[in-house]
Amino acid sequence: MKLKIALFGTSADPPTRAHAAILEWLAGQFDQVVVWAADNPFKKDQTPLQHRQHMLHLLVQDLRVSHANVSLNPELSDWRTLRSVERAKHLWPTAQLTLVVGSDVVASLPHWYGVKDLLAQIDLLIVHRPGANIVESDLIQLQKLGANLAIADFTGPPISSTRYRQSQSTAGLTTAIADYIHRQGLYRWAETITAK
């Protein structure tokens, strides 16, 4: 029987409790959950990747206490998901790979680099993100491009990295990540410290 691996690349800017909830749910559905932070070519002014990888490391470290099948694999990081998948296929050549994406990227997915090649190599699992509805015509377009897709029986909590960056409320962050942001002066911490 093939090893079933979920591939979850994320911009993680910063990783939140919503990322943790998704990873926990995936850990119960797959033999292995592989996660990495990557630059998103559709987003501007991202926090440097090394900080996002480190924050994701802190999140995964906490999760591995109860979910040993979740691993951080920064070697898969690439701004083109196709390259990340090709690296994963090299590491796990006989595994069944499922790329996990949020419902917020479904409409843009047909415009991703090498999308037909990408969809030919993986299954696609779409996770509901609050405020990002799945549109039937978008699913049909993905299927026309060759997607073997499923929609997760799971909805992430109403927490987002964007909301954190706008509000600076640490309610959606783990303590370790909030502390790291403070120590490193990331996001608006640097402005707040300078203003005092």
N, C-alpha and C. Protein backbone atom coordinates (compact mmCIF):
# COMPACT_ATOMS: atom_id res chain seq x y z
N MET A 1 0.84 -1.19 0.00
CA MET A 1 0.00 0.00 0.00
C MET A 1 0.88 1.25 0.00
N LYS A 2 0.53 2.21 -0.86
CA LYS A 2 1.34 3.42 -0.99
C LYS A 2 1.25 4.30 0.25
N LEU A 3 2.39 4.91 0.59
CA LEU A 3 2.43 5.91 1.64
C LEU A 3 1.66 7.13 1.16
N LYS A 4 0.75 7.63 1.97
CA LYS A 4 -0.05 8.79 1.59
C LYS A 4 0.51 10.03 2.30
N ILE A 5 0.99 10.96 1.49
CA ILE A 5 1.65 12.16 2.02
C ILE A 5 0.90 13.42 1.60
N ALA A 6 0.60 14.26 2.57
CA ALA A 6 0.02 15.58 2.30
C ALA A 6 1.15 16.59 2.20
N LEU A 7 1.15 17.36 1.14
CA LEU A 7 2.14 18.41 0.92
C LEU A 7 1.48 19.76 1.18
N PHE A 8 2.00 20.49 2.16
CA PHE A 8 1.38 21.75 2.56
C PHE A 8 2.42 22.86 2.58
N GLY A 9 2.55 23.55 1.44
CA GLY A 9 3.41 24.71 1.37
C GLY A 9 2.59 25.95 1.67
N THR A 10 3.15 26.86 2.41
CA THR A 10 2.41 28.03 2.83
C THR A 10 3.34 29.23 2.91
N SER A 11 2.79 30.43 2.74
CA SER A 11 3.64 31.60 2.90
C SER A 11 3.96 31.85 4.37
N ALA A 12 3.07 31.41 5.29
CA ALA A 12 3.34 31.45 6.73
C ALA A 12 3.86 32.82 7.18
N ASP A 13 3.08 33.85 6.92
CA ASP A 13 3.56 35.21 7.16
C ASP A 13 2.65 36.00 8.10
N PRO A 14 2.57 35.64 9.39
CA PRO A 14 3.24 34.53 10.09
C PRO A 14 2.34 33.29 10.14
N PRO A 15 2.90 32.13 10.53
CA PRO A 15 2.04 30.97 10.75
C PRO A 15 1.16 31.20 11.98
N THR A 16 -0.09 30.78 11.87
CA THR A 16 -1.07 31.04 12.92
C THR A 16 -1.64 29.74 13.48
N ARG A 17 -2.54 29.91 14.44
CA ARG A 17 -3.25 28.74 14.99
C ARG A 17 -4.12 28.07 13.91
N ALA A 18 -4.49 28.81 12.88
CA ALA A 18 -5.24 28.21 11.76
C ALA A 18 -4.35 27.23 11.01
N HIS A 19 -3.09 27.60 10.79
CA HIS A 19 -2.15 26.65 10.17
C HIS A 19 -2.02 25.39 11.04
N ALA A 20 -1.92 25.60 12.34
CA ALA A 20 -1.79 24.46 13.26
C ALA A 20 -3.02 23.56 13.18
N ALA A 21 -4.22 24.16 13.13
CA ALA A 21 -5.45 23.37 13.06
C ALA A 21 -5.51 22.55 11.77
N ILE A 22 -5.09 23.16 10.67
CA ILE A 22 -5.06 22.43 9.39
C ILE A 22 -4.09 21.26 9.47
N LEU A 23 -2.90 21.51 10.00
CA LEU A 23 -1.89 20.45 10.11
C LEU A 23 -2.36 19.32 11.03
N GLU A 24 -3.01 19.68 12.13
CA GLU A 24 -3.54 18.65 13.03
C GLU A 24 -4.58 17.79 12.33
N TRP A 25 -5.47 18.43 11.58
CA TRP A 25 -6.49 17.68 10.86
C TRP A 25 -5.84 16.78 9.80
N LEU A 26 -4.89 17.33 9.06
CA LEU A 26 -4.20 16.53 8.03
C LEU A 26 -3.48 15.33 8.65
N ALA A 27 -2.92 15.52 9.85
CA ALA A 27 -2.18 14.44 10.51
C ALA A 27 -3.07 13.24 10.78
N GLY A 28 -4.36 13.47 10.95
CA GLY A 28 -5.29 12.37 11.16
C GLY A 28 -5.78 11.73 9.88
N GLN A 29 -5.48 12.35 8.75
CA GLN A 29 -5.97 11.85 7.45
C GLN A 29 -4.89 11.19 6.61
N PHE A 30 -3.61 11.52 6.86
CA PHE A 30 -2.52 11.07 6.02
C PHE A 30 -1.45 10.34 6.85
N ASP A 31 -0.67 9.50 6.17
CA ASP A 31 0.44 8.83 6.85
C ASP A 31 1.50 9.83 7.27
N GLN A 32 1.70 10.83 6.42
CA GLN A 32 2.72 11.84 6.70
C GLN A 32 2.24 13.19 6.18
N VAL A 33 2.56 14.24 6.93
CA VAL A 33 2.23 15.61 6.52
C VAL A 33 3.54 16.38 6.43
N VAL A 34 3.81 16.91 5.26
CA VAL A 34 5.05 17.62 4.99
C VAL A 34 4.72 19.09 4.77
N VAL A 35 5.38 19.95 5.50
CA VAL A 35 5.06 21.38 5.43
C VAL A 35 6.34 22.19 5.21
N TRP A 36 6.20 23.32 4.54
CA TRP A 36 7.33 24.24 4.33
C TRP A 36 6.78 25.64 4.10
N ALA A 37 7.61 26.61 4.36
CA ALA A 37 7.28 28.01 4.03
C ALA A 37 7.93 28.34 2.70
N ALA A 38 7.25 29.17 1.92
CA ALA A 38 7.78 29.55 0.61
C ALA A 38 7.36 30.97 0.27
N ASP A 39 8.11 31.59 -0.61
CA ASP A 39 7.72 32.88 -1.13
C ASP A 39 6.54 32.68 -2.07
N ASN A 40 5.61 33.61 -2.01
CA ASN A 40 4.42 33.56 -2.86
C ASN A 40 4.57 34.62 -3.93
N PRO A 41 4.64 34.22 -5.21
CA PRO A 41 4.84 35.21 -6.27
C PRO A 41 3.68 36.17 -6.44
N PHE A 42 2.52 35.86 -5.82
CA PHE A 42 1.35 36.73 -5.93
C PHE A 42 1.28 37.73 -4.77
N LYS A 43 2.22 37.65 -3.83
CA LYS A 43 2.21 38.56 -2.67
C LYS A 43 3.46 39.42 -2.67
N LYS A 44 3.28 40.67 -2.23
CA LYS A 44 4.42 41.60 -2.15
C LYS A 44 4.78 41.83 -0.69
N ASP A 45 6.00 42.30 -0.47
CA ASP A 45 6.46 42.71 0.86
C ASP A 45 6.32 41.61 1.91
N GLN A 46 6.75 40.42 1.56
CA GLN A 46 6.71 39.32 2.53
C GLN A 46 7.88 39.44 3.52
N THR A 47 7.65 38.94 4.72
CA THR A 47 8.71 38.87 5.71
C THR A 47 9.79 37.93 5.16
N PRO A 48 11.08 38.21 5.41
CA PRO A 48 12.14 37.33 4.87
C PRO A 48 11.87 35.86 5.18
N LEU A 49 12.14 35.03 4.19
CA LEU A 49 11.80 33.61 4.26
C LEU A 49 12.42 32.91 5.47
N GLN A 50 13.65 33.28 5.83
CA GLN A 50 14.29 32.58 6.96
C GLN A 50 13.49 32.77 8.25
N HIS A 51 12.85 33.93 8.44
CA HIS A 51 12.01 34.15 9.62
C HIS A 51 10.74 33.30 9.54
N ARG A 52 10.14 33.24 8.35
CA ARG A 52 8.91 32.46 8.21
C ARG A 52 9.19 30.97 8.39
N GLN A 53 10.33 30.51 7.87
CA GLN A 53 10.70 29.10 8.08
C GLN A 53 10.91 28.82 9.57
N HIS A 54 11.55 29.75 10.27
CA HIS A 54 11.80 29.53 11.69
C HIS A 54 10.50 29.52 12.49
N MET A 55 9.58 30.44 12.17
CA MET A 55 8.29 30.45 12.87
C MET A 55 7.51 29.17 12.59
N LEU A 56 7.58 28.69 11.36
CA LEU A 56 6.90 27.43 11.03
C LEU A 56 7.55 26.27 11.78
N HIS A 57 8.86 26.32 11.93
CA HIS A 57 9.57 25.32 12.74
C HIS A 57 9.03 25.30 14.17
N LEU A 58 8.82 26.47 14.75
CA LEU A 58 8.27 26.55 16.11
C LEU A 58 6.88 25.93 16.19
N LEU A 59 6.07 26.19 15.17
CA LEU A 59 4.71 25.64 15.14
C LEU A 59 4.74 24.12 15.03
N VAL A 60 5.57 23.60 14.11
CA VAL A 60 5.66 22.16 13.90
C VAL A 60 6.25 21.46 15.13
N GLN A 61 7.22 22.10 15.76
CA GLN A 61 7.83 21.55 16.97
C GLN A 61 6.76 21.30 18.04
N ASP A 62 5.86 22.25 18.22
CA ASP A 62 4.77 22.09 19.18
C ASP A 62 3.83 20.96 18.76
N LEU A 63 3.52 20.89 17.47
CA LEU A 63 2.58 19.88 16.96
C LEU A 63 3.14 18.46 17.08
N ARG A 64 4.45 18.32 16.91
CA ARG A 64 5.05 16.98 16.89
C ARG A 64 4.95 16.27 18.24
N VAL A 65 4.64 16.99 19.29
CA VAL A 65 4.44 16.36 20.59
C VAL A 65 3.31 15.34 20.50
N SER A 66 2.24 15.70 19.80
CA SER A 66 1.09 14.79 19.66
C SER A 66 0.89 14.26 18.25
N HIS A 67 1.61 14.82 17.28
CA HIS A 67 1.46 14.39 15.88
C HIS A 67 2.85 14.19 15.27
N ALA A 68 3.42 13.05 15.54
CA ALA A 68 4.79 12.77 15.08
C ALA A 68 4.90 12.65 13.57
N ASN A 69 3.77 12.53 12.87
CA ASN A 69 3.80 12.38 11.41
C ASN A 69 3.80 13.72 10.67
N VAL A 70 3.95 14.82 11.40
CA VAL A 70 4.07 16.15 10.78
C VAL A 70 5.54 16.54 10.77
N SER A 71 6.05 16.93 9.61
CA SER A 71 7.47 17.31 9.54
C SER A 71 7.64 18.60 8.72
N LEU A 72 8.64 19.37 9.13
CA LEU A 72 9.02 20.56 8.40
C LEU A 72 10.11 20.18 7.41
N ASN A 73 9.90 20.50 6.15
CA ASN A 73 10.85 20.15 5.10
C ASN A 73 11.20 21.38 4.27
N PRO A 74 12.06 22.27 4.80
CA PRO A 74 12.37 23.51 4.09
C PRO A 74 13.05 23.29 2.74
N GLU A 75 13.63 22.11 2.53
CA GLU A 75 14.28 21.83 1.24
C GLU A 75 13.27 21.78 0.09
N LEU A 76 11.98 21.71 0.40
CA LEU A 76 10.96 21.72 -0.64
C LEU A 76 10.55 23.13 -1.05
N SER A 77 11.01 24.12 -0.31
CA SER A 77 10.60 25.50 -0.54
C SER A 77 11.04 26.01 -1.91
N ASP A 78 10.08 26.53 -2.64
CA ASP A 78 10.34 27.18 -3.92
C ASP A 78 9.14 28.06 -4.22
N TRP A 79 9.34 29.17 -4.88
CA TRP A 79 8.21 30.03 -5.20
C TRP A 79 7.35 29.43 -6.30
N ARG A 80 7.83 28.38 -6.95
CA ARG A 80 7.03 27.65 -7.93
C ARG A 80 6.67 26.28 -7.33
N THR A 81 5.40 26.06 -7.10
CA THR A 81 4.94 24.84 -6.45
C THR A 81 5.33 23.60 -7.25
N LEU A 82 5.38 23.71 -8.56
CA LEU A 82 5.78 22.58 -9.39
C LEU A 82 7.15 22.07 -8.98
N ARG A 83 8.08 22.97 -8.71
CA ARG A 83 9.42 22.55 -8.29
C ARG A 83 9.38 21.88 -6.92
N SER A 84 8.55 22.39 -6.02
CA SER A 84 8.41 21.77 -4.70
C SER A 84 7.90 20.34 -4.84
N VAL A 85 6.91 20.14 -5.69
CA VAL A 85 6.35 18.81 -5.91
C VAL A 85 7.38 17.88 -6.55
N GLU A 86 8.15 18.40 -7.49
CA GLU A 86 9.19 17.57 -8.12
C GLU A 86 10.23 17.13 -7.09
N ARG A 87 10.59 18.02 -6.17
CA ARG A 87 11.52 17.65 -5.09
C ARG A 87 10.90 16.59 -4.18
N ALA A 88 9.62 16.75 -3.88
CA ALA A 88 8.93 15.75 -3.04
C ALA A 88 8.89 14.40 -3.74
N LYS A 89 8.65 14.39 -5.03
CA LYS A 89 8.63 13.12 -5.78
C LYS A 89 9.99 12.44 -5.76
N HIS A 90 11.04 13.24 -5.75
CA HIS A 90 12.39 12.69 -5.66
C HIS A 90 12.63 12.06 -4.29
N LEU A 91 12.12 12.70 -3.23
CA LEU A 91 12.30 12.18 -1.87
C LEU A 91 11.42 10.97 -1.59
N TRP A 92 10.20 10.97 -2.13
CA TRP A 92 9.24 9.88 -1.89
C TRP A 92 8.69 9.39 -3.23
N PRO A 93 9.52 8.68 -4.01
CA PRO A 93 9.13 8.34 -5.39
C PRO A 93 7.93 7.40 -5.50
N THR A 94 7.64 6.62 -4.46
CA THR A 94 6.53 5.66 -4.56
C THR A 94 5.29 6.12 -3.79
N ALA A 95 5.34 7.29 -3.18
CA ALA A 95 4.23 7.76 -2.35
C ALA A 95 3.11 8.36 -3.20
N GLN A 96 1.91 8.34 -2.65
CA GLN A 96 0.79 9.06 -3.24
C GLN A 96 0.79 10.46 -2.64
N LEU A 97 1.05 11.47 -3.47
CA LEU A 97 1.20 12.84 -2.99
C LEU A 97 -0.08 13.64 -3.20
N THR A 98 -0.49 14.35 -2.16
CA THR A 98 -1.66 15.21 -2.23
C THR A 98 -1.24 16.62 -1.86
N LEU A 99 -1.44 17.54 -2.78
CA LEU A 99 -1.14 18.94 -2.52
C LEU A 99 -2.35 19.57 -1.84
N VAL A 100 -2.11 20.21 -0.70
CA VAL A 100 -3.17 20.83 0.08
C VAL A 100 -3.13 22.34 -0.16
N VAL A 101 -4.27 22.90 -0.57
CA VAL A 101 -4.36 24.34 -0.80
C VAL A 101 -5.60 24.87 -0.11
N GLY A 102 -5.56 26.15 0.25
CA GLY A 102 -6.72 26.80 0.82
C GLY A 102 -7.69 27.24 -0.26
N SER A 103 -8.96 27.37 0.12
CA SER A 103 -9.97 27.80 -0.85
C SER A 103 -9.69 29.20 -1.39
N ASP A 104 -8.85 29.96 -0.68
CA ASP A 104 -8.52 31.32 -1.13
C ASP A 104 -7.62 31.35 -2.35
N VAL A 105 -6.99 30.21 -2.72
CA VAL A 105 -6.11 30.21 -3.90
C VAL A 105 -6.70 29.46 -5.09
N VAL A 106 -7.89 28.90 -4.92
CA VAL A 106 -8.48 28.08 -5.99
C VAL A 106 -8.62 28.86 -7.29
N ALA A 107 -9.09 30.10 -7.22
CA ALA A 107 -9.30 30.89 -8.44
C ALA A 107 -7.99 31.21 -9.15
N SER A 108 -6.90 31.36 -8.40
CA SER A 108 -5.61 31.70 -9.02
C SER A 108 -4.83 30.47 -9.49
N LEU A 109 -5.19 29.31 -8.99
CA LEU A 109 -4.42 28.10 -9.29
C LEU A 109 -4.24 27.82 -10.79
N PRO A 110 -5.25 28.03 -11.63
CA PRO A 110 -5.04 27.79 -13.07
C PRO A 110 -3.94 28.66 -13.68
N HIS A 111 -3.52 29.72 -13.00
CA HIS A 111 -2.49 30.62 -13.51
C HIS A 111 -1.10 30.31 -12.94
N TRP A 112 -1.01 29.27 -12.12
CA TRP A 112 0.28 28.89 -11.54
C TRP A 112 1.21 28.35 -12.62
N TYR A 113 2.48 28.51 -12.39
CA TYR A 113 3.50 28.02 -13.32
C TYR A 113 3.35 26.52 -13.54
N GLY A 114 3.31 26.09 -14.79
CA GLY A 114 3.28 24.67 -15.13
C GLY A 114 2.11 23.91 -14.51
N VAL A 115 0.94 24.56 -14.45
CA VAL A 115 -0.18 23.98 -13.71
C VAL A 115 -0.59 22.60 -14.23
N LYS A 116 -0.56 22.38 -15.53
CA LYS A 116 -0.95 21.06 -16.05
C LYS A 116 0.03 19.98 -15.60
N ASP A 117 1.32 20.28 -15.65
CA ASP A 117 2.33 19.33 -15.16
C ASP A 117 2.16 19.10 -13.66
N LEU A 118 1.87 20.16 -12.93
CA LEU A 118 1.67 20.06 -11.49
C LEU A 118 0.50 19.13 -11.17
N LEU A 119 -0.63 19.39 -11.79
CA LEU A 119 -1.84 18.62 -11.50
C LEU A 119 -1.73 17.16 -11.96
N ALA A 120 -0.86 16.90 -12.93
CA ALA A 120 -0.67 15.52 -13.39
C ALA A 120 0.11 14.69 -12.38
N GLN A 121 0.82 15.35 -11.45
CA GLN A 121 1.71 14.62 -10.53
C GLN A 121 1.14 14.42 -9.14
N ILE A 122 0.03 15.11 -8.83
CA ILE A 122 -0.49 15.06 -7.47
C ILE A 122 -2.01 14.99 -7.47
N ASP A 123 -2.56 14.59 -6.33
CA ASP A 123 -3.98 14.82 -6.07
C ASP A 123 -4.07 16.20 -5.43
N LEU A 124 -5.24 16.79 -5.46
CA LEU A 124 -5.43 18.13 -4.93
C LEU A 124 -6.50 18.08 -3.85
N LEU A 125 -6.18 18.62 -2.68
CA LEU A 125 -7.14 18.70 -1.59
C LEU A 125 -7.35 20.17 -1.24
N ILE A 126 -8.59 20.62 -1.30
CA ILE A 126 -8.92 22.01 -1.03
C ILE A 126 -9.52 22.12 0.37
N VAL A 127 -8.92 22.99 1.18
CA VAL A 127 -9.39 23.22 2.54
C VAL A 127 -10.15 24.54 2.58
N HIS A 128 -11.36 24.50 3.12
CA HIS A 128 -12.16 25.73 3.25
C HIS A 128 -11.44 26.73 4.15
N ARG A 129 -11.34 27.96 3.68
CA ARG A 129 -10.85 29.07 4.50
C ARG A 129 -12.03 30.01 4.72
N PRO A 130 -12.30 30.41 5.96
CA PRO A 130 -13.41 31.33 6.21
C PRO A 130 -13.29 32.59 5.35
N GLY A 131 -14.40 32.95 4.72
CA GLY A 131 -14.41 34.14 3.87
C GLY A 131 -13.96 33.89 2.45
N ALA A 132 -13.56 32.67 2.13
CA ALA A 132 -13.12 32.34 0.76
C ALA A 132 -13.95 31.17 0.25
N ASN A 133 -15.07 31.50 -0.36
CA ASN A 133 -15.98 30.46 -0.84
C ASN A 133 -15.41 29.74 -2.06
N ILE A 134 -15.78 28.48 -2.18
CA ILE A 134 -15.36 27.69 -3.34
C ILE A 134 -16.43 27.85 -4.42
N VAL A 135 -16.00 28.29 -5.58
CA VAL A 135 -16.92 28.52 -6.70
C VAL A 135 -16.86 27.32 -7.64
N GLU A 136 -18.02 26.80 -7.97
CA GLU A 136 -18.13 25.59 -8.80
C GLU A 136 -17.39 25.74 -10.13
N SER A 137 -17.50 26.91 -10.76
CA SER A 137 -16.85 27.10 -12.06
C SER A 137 -15.32 27.02 -11.93
N ASP A 138 -14.77 27.43 -10.78
CA ASP A 138 -13.32 27.30 -10.56
C ASP A 138 -12.91 25.83 -10.47
N LEU A 139 -13.74 25.03 -9.81
CA LEU A 139 -13.45 23.59 -9.70
C LEU A 139 -13.51 22.93 -11.07
N ILE A 140 -14.50 23.31 -11.86
CA ILE A 140 -14.64 22.75 -13.21
C ILE A 140 -13.42 23.09 -14.06
N GLN A 141 -12.94 24.33 -13.93
CA GLN A 141 -11.76 24.73 -14.69
C GLN A 141 -10.54 23.90 -14.28
N LEU A 142 -10.38 23.65 -12.98
CA LEU A 142 -9.26 22.84 -12.52
C LEU A 142 -9.37 21.41 -13.03
N GLN A 143 -10.58 20.87 -13.03
CA GLN A 143 -10.77 19.51 -13.54
C GLN A 143 -10.46 19.44 -15.03
N LYS A 144 -10.79 20.47 -15.78
CA LYS A 144 -10.46 20.52 -17.20
C LYS A 144 -8.95 20.53 -17.42
N LEU A 145 -8.22 21.09 -16.43
CA LEU A 145 -6.75 21.13 -16.51
C LEU A 145 -6.13 19.81 -16.04
N GLY A 146 -6.98 18.87 -15.60
CA GLY A 146 -6.48 17.57 -15.20
C GLY A 146 -6.48 17.29 -13.71
N ALA A 147 -7.06 18.18 -12.91
CA ALA A 147 -7.02 18.01 -11.46
C ALA A 147 -7.87 16.83 -11.00
N ASN A 148 -7.29 16.00 -10.14
CA ASN A 148 -8.03 15.00 -9.39
C ASN A 148 -8.21 15.61 -8.01
N LEU A 149 -9.36 16.24 -7.79
CA LEU A 149 -9.49 17.06 -6.59
C LEU A 149 -10.56 16.56 -5.64
N ALA A 150 -10.39 16.95 -4.39
CA ALA A 150 -11.37 16.68 -3.34
C ALA A 150 -11.45 17.92 -2.47
N ILE A 151 -12.57 18.06 -1.78
CA ILE A 151 -12.74 19.18 -0.84
C ILE A 151 -12.74 18.59 0.56
N ALA A 152 -11.89 19.12 1.41
CA ALA A 152 -11.73 18.61 2.77
C ALA A 152 -13.01 18.78 3.57
N ASP A 153 -13.29 17.79 4.41
CA ASP A 153 -14.41 17.84 5.33
C ASP A 153 -13.94 18.56 6.60
N PHE A 154 -13.46 19.78 6.40
CA PHE A 154 -12.85 20.55 7.47
C PHE A 154 -12.84 22.01 7.06
N THR A 155 -13.11 22.88 8.01
CA THR A 155 -13.00 24.32 7.77
C THR A 155 -12.07 24.89 8.81
N GLY A 156 -11.06 25.60 8.36
CA GLY A 156 -10.12 26.21 9.28
C GLY A 156 -10.79 27.27 10.13
N PRO A 157 -10.22 27.58 11.29
CA PRO A 157 -10.79 28.62 12.14
C PRO A 157 -10.65 30.00 11.49
N PRO A 158 -11.46 30.97 11.93
CA PRO A 158 -11.43 32.30 11.31
C PRO A 158 -10.24 33.14 11.78
N ILE A 159 -9.07 32.63 11.48
CA ILE A 159 -7.80 33.29 11.84
C ILE A 159 -6.99 33.34 10.56
N SER A 160 -6.30 34.45 10.32
CA SER A 160 -5.46 34.50 9.13
C SER A 160 -4.21 35.32 9.40
N SER A 161 -3.18 35.02 8.63
CA SER A 161 -1.94 35.80 8.72
C SER A 161 -2.20 37.25 8.36
N THR A 162 -3.03 37.46 7.35
CA THR A 162 -3.35 38.82 6.92
C THR A 162 -3.99 39.60 8.07
N ARG A 163 -4.94 38.96 8.75
CA ARG A 163 -5.61 39.63 9.87
C ARG A 163 -4.60 40.00 10.95
N TYR A 164 -3.63 39.09 11.22
CA TYR A 164 -2.61 39.42 12.22
C TYR A 164 -1.81 40.64 11.77
N ARG A 165 -1.37 40.65 10.50
CA ARG A 165 -0.54 41.75 10.02
C ARG A 165 -1.28 43.09 10.10
N GLN A 166 -2.61 43.04 9.94
CA GLN A 166 -3.40 44.27 9.98
C GLN A 166 -3.71 44.72 11.41
N SER A 167 -3.97 43.77 12.31
CA SER A 167 -4.43 44.13 13.66
C SER A 167 -3.36 44.03 14.74
N GLN A 168 -2.33 43.20 14.49
CA GLN A 168 -1.28 42.94 15.47
C GLN A 168 -1.79 42.23 16.73
N SER A 169 -3.01 41.68 16.67
CA SER A 169 -3.54 40.91 17.80
C SER A 169 -2.88 39.54 17.80
N THR A 170 -2.29 39.17 18.93
CA THR A 170 -1.58 37.89 19.01
C THR A 170 -2.50 36.73 19.35
N ALA A 171 -3.82 36.97 19.41
CA ALA A 171 -4.77 35.91 19.78
C ALA A 171 -4.69 34.70 18.85
N GLY A 172 -4.36 34.91 17.59
CA GLY A 172 -4.30 33.81 16.63
C GLY A 172 -2.94 33.15 16.52
N LEU A 173 -1.99 33.57 17.38
CA LEU A 173 -0.63 33.04 17.33
C LEU A 173 -0.33 32.16 18.54
N THR A 174 0.58 31.21 18.37
CA THR A 174 1.06 30.49 19.53
C THR A 174 2.00 31.42 20.31
N THR A 175 2.21 31.10 21.58
CA THR A 175 3.09 31.93 22.41
C THR A 175 4.50 31.98 21.85
N ALA A 176 4.99 30.82 21.39
CA ALA A 176 6.36 30.76 20.85
C ALA A 176 6.53 31.67 19.64
N ILE A 177 5.53 31.71 18.76
CA ILE A 177 5.63 32.54 17.56
C ILE A 177 5.48 34.02 17.93
N ALA A 178 4.55 34.34 18.82
CA ALA A 178 4.40 35.74 19.26
C ALA A 178 5.69 36.24 19.90
N ASP A 179 6.32 35.40 20.71
CA ASP A 179 7.59 35.79 21.35
C ASP A 179 8.68 36.00 20.31
N TYR A 180 8.73 35.13 19.31
CA TYR A 180 9.75 35.26 18.26
C TYR A 180 9.56 36.57 17.49
N ILE A 181 8.32 36.89 17.14
CA ILE A 181 8.02 38.12 16.42
C ILE A 181 8.50 39.32 17.24
N HIS A 182 8.22 39.29 18.53
CA HIS A 182 8.62 40.39 19.42
C HIS A 182 10.14 40.51 19.49
N ARG A 183 10.82 39.38 19.69
CA ARG A 183 12.28 39.40 19.81
C ARG A 183 12.96 39.89 18.53
N GLN A 184 12.41 39.51 17.39
CA GLN A 184 13.02 39.85 16.10
C GLN A 184 12.56 41.21 15.56
N GLY A 185 11.59 41.82 16.22
CA GLY A 185 11.08 43.10 15.75
C GLY A 185 10.37 43.00 14.40
N LEU A 186 9.66 41.89 14.18
CA LEU A 186 8.98 41.69 12.90
C LEU A 186 7.64 42.40 12.86
N TYR A 187 7.13 42.61 11.66
CA TYR A 187 5.86 43.27 11.41
C TYR A 187 5.90 44.67 12.01
N ARG A 188 4.95 45.05 12.82
CA ARG A 188 4.94 46.42 13.33
C ARG A 188 5.65 46.56 14.67
N TRP A 189 6.17 45.44 15.20
CA TRP A 189 6.87 45.54 16.49
C TRP A 189 7.99 46.58 16.42
N ALA A 190 8.70 46.59 15.31
CA ALA A 190 9.83 47.53 15.17
C ALA A 190 9.33 48.97 15.27
N GLU A 191 8.18 49.26 14.63
CA GLU A 191 7.62 50.62 14.68
C GLU A 191 7.17 50.95 16.09
N THR A 192 6.54 49.98 16.77
CA THR A 192 6.03 50.20 18.13
C THR A 192 7.17 50.48 19.09
N ILE A 193 8.24 49.71 18.98
CA ILE A 193 9.39 49.86 19.86
C ILE A 193 10.05 51.22 19.62
N THR A 194 10.18 51.62 18.34
CA THR A 194 10.82 52.89 18.00
C THR A 194 9.99 54.08 18.51
N ALA A 195 8.66 53.93 18.46
CA ALA A 195 7.79 55.04 18.84
C ALA A 195 7.79 55.29 20.35
N LYS A 196 8.17 54.32 21.16
CA LYS A 196 8.11 54.46 22.63
C LYS A 196 9.25 55.27 23.19
